Protein backbone atom coordinates (compact mmCIF):
# COMPACT_ATOMS: atom_id res chain seq x y z
CA UNK A 1 199.83 235.91 139.52
CA UNK A 2 201.02 232.54 140.79
CA UNK A 3 203.77 232.38 138.16
CA UNK A 4 205.14 235.77 139.22
CA UNK A 5 205.32 234.65 142.85
CA UNK A 6 207.04 231.40 141.86
CA UNK A 7 209.62 233.32 139.83
CA UNK A 8 210.16 235.74 142.72
CA UNK A 9 210.76 232.83 145.10
CA UNK A 10 213.23 231.27 142.65
CA UNK A 11 215.05 234.60 142.30
CA UNK A 12 215.29 235.11 146.06
CA UNK A 13 216.48 231.53 146.51
CA UNK A 14 219.22 232.01 143.91
CA UNK A 15 220.32 235.24 145.58
CA UNK A 16 220.51 233.54 148.99
CA UNK A 17 222.47 230.59 147.59
CA UNK A 18 224.87 232.91 145.77
CA UNK A 19 225.36 234.98 148.92
CA UNK A 20 226.13 231.89 151.00
CA UNK A 21 228.57 230.68 148.36
CA UNK A 22 230.34 234.04 148.33
CA UNK A 23 230.50 234.05 152.12
CA UNK A 24 232.00 230.55 152.18
CA UNK A 25 234.59 231.52 149.56
CA UNK A 26 235.50 234.69 151.48
CA UNK A 27 235.92 232.76 154.72
CA UNK A 28 238.07 230.13 153.00
CA UNK A 29 240.37 232.75 151.47
CA UNK A 30 240.64 234.59 154.79
CA UNK A 31 241.45 231.40 156.67
CA UNK A 32 244.12 230.49 154.13
CA UNK A 33 245.75 233.90 154.45
CA UNK A 34 245.58 233.82 158.24
CA UNK A 35 247.20 230.38 158.29
CA UNK A 36 250.01 231.54 156.01
CA UNK A 37 250.62 234.64 158.12
CA UNK A 38 250.63 232.56 161.29
CA UNK A 39 253.18 230.17 159.85
CA UNK A 40 255.39 233.10 158.83
CA UNK A 41 255.17 234.53 162.36
CA UNK A 42 256.11 231.17 163.89
CA UNK A 43 259.06 230.82 161.52
CA UNK A 44 260.23 234.33 162.44
CA UNK A 45 259.93 233.60 166.15
CA UNK A 46 261.84 230.35 165.76
CA UNK A 47 264.61 232.16 163.89
CA UNK A 48 264.79 234.83 166.59
CA UNK A 49 264.98 232.17 169.31
CA UNK A 50 267.70 230.31 167.42
CA UNK A 51 269.69 233.55 167.08
CA UNK A 52 269.29 234.30 170.78
CA UNK A 53 270.34 230.77 171.72
CA UNK A 54 273.38 231.05 169.48
CA UNK A 55 274.38 234.35 171.13
CA UNK A 56 273.81 233.01 174.62
CA UNK A 57 275.52 229.72 173.84
CA UNK A 58 278.77 231.38 172.76
CA UNK A 59 279.57 232.36 176.38
CA UNK A 60 278.71 229.06 178.08
CA UNK A 61 280.26 225.61 178.32
CA UNK A 62 278.53 222.37 177.33
CA UNK A 63 276.67 222.20 180.67
CA UNK A 64 275.27 225.72 180.44
CA UNK A 65 277.70 227.22 182.94
CA UNK A 66 279.90 230.23 182.29
CA UNK A 67 283.34 229.54 180.80
CA UNK A 68 286.47 230.41 182.78
CA UNK A 69 288.26 232.21 179.98
């Protein structure tokens, strides 16, 4: 009877360790994907800002004032 209980405890322990390992792996993969998506969003926002600055800058002089053309 004692051997059966020992084997049951070992089995439960292995299941818990495997579950925690799977959880850690899932969180790591999710964090990596979230970081990549965040970087892509920042790059897109920077490109949009650069485009807007280029459009706004075409109608101003070097001091930011309107040109007299």
